[in-house]
Amino acid sequence: MNDRDLLSTFGPSAAEVLQAAHPEWLIWREIADGTHGDWCARPIEASEDEPLLRHDDLDGLRALLEAADG
């Protein structure tokens, strides 16, 4: 296995890449009843009662984050 294969196999996930691109946000995936739910994001400095961004896929969450970061 060459270096490129190793990176594509063991490199960062899409969620890790998104988190790295938006370090001021906490990004996670909800889990409900043992199944994956929406992807969510909240500014790190926000309180827990502030609304969060949510989408059913990472591309949608990425668009919401980019719009929020304006």
N, C-alpha and C. Protein backbone atom coordinates (compact mmCIF):
# COMPACT_ATOMS: atom_id res chain seq x y z
N MET A 1 0.85 -1.17 0.00
CA MET A 1 0.00 0.00 0.00
C MET A 1 0.90 1.24 0.00
N ASN A 2 0.64 2.17 -0.95
CA ASN A 2 1.45 3.38 -1.00
C ASN A 2 0.88 4.47 -0.10
N ASP A 3 1.58 5.59 -0.01
CA ASP A 3 1.17 6.67 0.88
C ASP A 3 -0.21 7.22 0.53
N ARG A 4 -0.49 7.37 -0.75
CA ARG A 4 -1.79 7.90 -1.18
C ARG A 4 -2.92 6.95 -0.74
N ASP A 5 -2.70 5.64 -0.89
CA ASP A 5 -3.70 4.66 -0.46
C ASP A 5 -3.91 4.72 1.05
N LEU A 6 -2.82 4.86 1.78
CA LEU A 6 -2.92 4.95 3.24
C LEU A 6 -3.72 6.17 3.66
N LEU A 7 -3.46 7.33 3.02
CA LEU A 7 -4.17 8.54 3.37
C LEU A 7 -5.66 8.41 3.06
N SER A 8 -6.00 7.85 1.91
CA SER A 8 -7.42 7.72 1.57
C SER A 8 -8.12 6.70 2.45
N THR A 9 -7.38 5.72 2.94
CA THR A 9 -7.97 4.70 3.80
C THR A 9 -8.03 5.16 5.25
N PHE A 10 -6.98 5.79 5.72
CA PHE A 10 -6.87 6.14 7.14
C PHE A 10 -6.86 7.65 7.38
N GLY A 11 -7.14 8.44 6.37
CA GLY A 11 -7.13 9.88 6.49
C GLY A 11 -8.34 10.37 7.27
N PRO A 12 -8.46 11.68 7.41
CA PRO A 12 -9.58 12.23 8.17
C PRO A 12 -10.92 11.96 7.48
N SER A 13 -11.93 11.79 8.29
CA SER A 13 -13.28 11.59 7.76
C SER A 13 -13.83 12.94 7.28
N ALA A 14 -14.92 12.90 6.54
CA ALA A 14 -15.56 14.14 6.07
C ALA A 14 -15.98 15.01 7.26
N ALA A 15 -16.43 14.39 8.33
CA ALA A 15 -16.82 15.15 9.53
C ALA A 15 -15.61 15.82 10.16
N GLU A 16 -14.47 15.14 10.19
CA GLU A 16 -13.25 15.73 10.74
C GLU A 16 -12.76 16.89 9.88
N VAL A 17 -12.89 16.76 8.58
CA VAL A 17 -12.49 17.84 7.67
C VAL A 17 -13.39 19.05 7.89
N LEU A 18 -14.70 18.81 8.04
CA LEU A 18 -15.64 19.90 8.28
C LEU A 18 -15.34 20.58 9.62
N GLN A 19 -15.06 19.81 10.65
CA GLN A 19 -14.72 20.38 11.96
C GLN A 19 -13.45 21.22 11.87
N ALA A 20 -12.46 20.75 11.14
CA ALA A 20 -11.21 21.49 10.98
C ALA A 20 -11.43 22.80 10.23
N ALA A 21 -12.38 22.82 9.31
CA ALA A 21 -12.67 24.02 8.54
C ALA A 21 -13.46 25.05 9.36
N HIS A 22 -14.10 24.59 10.43
CA HIS A 22 -14.92 25.47 11.27
C HIS A 22 -14.58 25.24 12.74
N PRO A 23 -13.37 25.63 13.16
CA PRO A 23 -12.93 25.33 14.52
C PRO A 23 -13.70 26.06 15.61
N GLU A 24 -14.42 27.12 15.24
CA GLU A 24 -15.19 27.86 16.25
C GLU A 24 -16.56 27.22 16.52
N TRP A 25 -16.84 26.11 15.85
CA TRP A 25 -18.10 25.39 16.02
C TRP A 25 -17.83 24.00 16.60
N LEU A 26 -18.77 23.53 17.40
CA LEU A 26 -18.76 22.14 17.87
C LEU A 26 -19.70 21.38 16.96
N ILE A 27 -19.22 20.34 16.31
CA ILE A 27 -20.00 19.57 15.34
C ILE A 27 -20.14 18.14 15.85
N TRP A 28 -21.36 17.62 15.81
CA TRP A 28 -21.61 16.25 16.25
C TRP A 28 -22.80 15.67 15.51
N ARG A 29 -22.99 14.37 15.65
CA ARG A 29 -24.13 13.69 15.06
C ARG A 29 -25.01 13.14 16.17
N GLU A 30 -26.28 13.45 16.08
CA GLU A 30 -27.23 12.94 17.07
C GLU A 30 -27.39 11.43 16.91
N ILE A 31 -27.67 10.80 18.01
CA ILE A 31 -28.01 9.37 18.00
C ILE A 31 -29.31 9.22 18.77
N ALA A 32 -30.29 8.64 18.12
CA ALA A 32 -31.60 8.45 18.75
C ALA A 32 -32.06 7.02 18.52
N ASP A 33 -32.45 6.36 19.58
CA ASP A 33 -32.92 4.98 19.48
C ASP A 33 -31.92 4.07 18.77
N GLY A 34 -30.64 4.33 18.99
CA GLY A 34 -29.61 3.49 18.42
C GLY A 34 -29.33 3.73 16.94
N THR A 35 -29.93 4.76 16.36
CA THR A 35 -29.68 5.08 14.96
C THR A 35 -29.12 6.50 14.84
N HIS A 36 -28.43 6.74 13.76
CA HIS A 36 -27.88 8.07 13.54
C HIS A 36 -28.97 9.05 13.17
N GLY A 37 -28.86 10.24 13.73
CA GLY A 37 -29.80 11.31 13.44
C GLY A 37 -29.12 12.40 12.65
N ASP A 38 -29.55 13.63 12.86
CA ASP A 38 -29.03 14.78 12.14
C ASP A 38 -27.61 15.11 12.57
N TRP A 39 -26.89 15.79 11.65
CA TRP A 39 -25.63 16.42 11.99
C TRP A 39 -25.97 17.77 12.59
N CYS A 40 -25.30 18.14 13.66
CA CYS A 40 -25.61 19.37 14.39
C CYS A 40 -24.34 20.18 14.60
N ALA A 41 -24.53 21.49 14.76
CA ALA A 41 -23.40 22.39 15.05
C ALA A 41 -23.89 23.54 15.91
N ARG A 42 -23.03 23.94 16.83
CA ARG A 42 -23.32 25.07 17.71
C ARG A 42 -21.98 25.79 17.95
N PRO A 43 -22.00 27.11 17.93
CA PRO A 43 -20.75 27.82 18.25
C PRO A 43 -20.22 27.37 19.62
N ILE A 44 -18.94 27.23 19.71
CA ILE A 44 -18.33 26.76 20.95
C ILE A 44 -18.68 27.67 22.12
N GLU A 45 -18.76 28.96 21.88
CA GLU A 45 -19.05 29.92 22.95
C GLU A 45 -20.55 30.05 23.27
N ALA A 46 -21.41 29.38 22.53
CA ALA A 46 -22.86 29.50 22.73
C ALA A 46 -23.30 28.72 23.96
N SER A 47 -24.41 29.16 24.55
CA SER A 47 -25.00 28.40 25.65
C SER A 47 -25.86 27.27 25.05
N GLU A 48 -26.15 26.28 25.86
CA GLU A 48 -26.89 25.12 25.37
C GLU A 48 -28.33 25.44 24.98
N ASP A 49 -28.87 26.55 25.44
CA ASP A 49 -30.24 26.88 25.08
C ASP A 49 -30.34 27.68 23.78
N GLU A 50 -29.20 28.06 23.21
CA GLU A 50 -29.21 28.76 21.92
C GLU A 50 -29.50 27.75 20.81
N PRO A 51 -30.21 28.20 19.76
CA PRO A 51 -30.52 27.29 18.66
C PRO A 51 -29.25 26.77 17.99
N LEU A 52 -29.33 25.57 17.47
CA LEU A 52 -28.19 24.99 16.78
C LEU A 52 -28.54 24.79 15.32
N LEU A 53 -27.49 24.64 14.52
CA LEU A 53 -27.68 24.31 13.12
C LEU A 53 -27.83 22.80 13.03
N ARG A 54 -28.70 22.35 12.12
CA ARG A 54 -28.87 20.90 11.96
C ARG A 54 -29.26 20.58 10.53
N HIS A 55 -28.76 19.45 10.07
CA HIS A 55 -29.10 18.96 8.73
C HIS A 55 -28.91 17.46 8.72
N ASP A 56 -29.60 16.80 7.79
CA ASP A 56 -29.52 15.33 7.77
C ASP A 56 -28.25 14.81 7.08
N ASP A 57 -27.48 15.70 6.42
CA ASP A 57 -26.21 15.25 5.86
C ASP A 57 -25.14 16.33 6.03
N LEU A 58 -23.90 15.91 5.88
CA LEU A 58 -22.78 16.83 6.12
C LEU A 58 -22.71 17.96 5.09
N ASP A 59 -23.06 17.69 3.84
CA ASP A 59 -23.02 18.74 2.84
C ASP A 59 -24.01 19.84 3.18
N GLY A 60 -25.19 19.47 3.64
CA GLY A 60 -26.18 20.45 4.05
C GLY A 60 -25.71 21.24 5.26
N LEU A 61 -25.10 20.55 6.23
CA LEU A 61 -24.57 21.25 7.40
C LEU A 61 -23.45 22.19 7.00
N ARG A 62 -22.61 21.76 6.06
CA ARG A 62 -21.52 22.63 5.56
C ARG A 62 -22.11 23.93 5.00
N ALA A 63 -23.17 23.82 4.21
CA ALA A 63 -23.79 25.02 3.63
C ALA A 63 -24.35 25.93 4.72
N LEU A 64 -24.95 25.35 5.74
CA LEU A 64 -25.47 26.15 6.85
C LEU A 64 -24.34 26.85 7.60
N LEU A 65 -23.25 26.14 7.83
CA LEU A 65 -22.10 26.74 8.52
C LEU A 65 -21.50 27.87 7.70
N GLU A 66 -21.37 27.68 6.40
CA GLU A 66 -20.80 28.72 5.55
C GLU A 66 -21.72 29.96 5.55
N ALA A 67 -23.02 29.75 5.52
CA ALA A 67 -23.96 30.87 5.56
C ALA A 67 -23.88 31.59 6.91
N ALA A 68 -23.76 30.83 7.99
CA ALA A 68 -23.69 31.42 9.33
C ALA A 68 -22.40 32.20 9.53
N ASP A 69 -21.32 31.72 8.93
CA ASP A 69 -20.03 32.40 9.07
C ASP A 69 -19.95 33.62 8.16
N GLY A 70 -20.90 33.68 7.19
CA GLY A 70 -21.06 34.83 6.29
C GLY A 70 -19.82 35.33 5.74
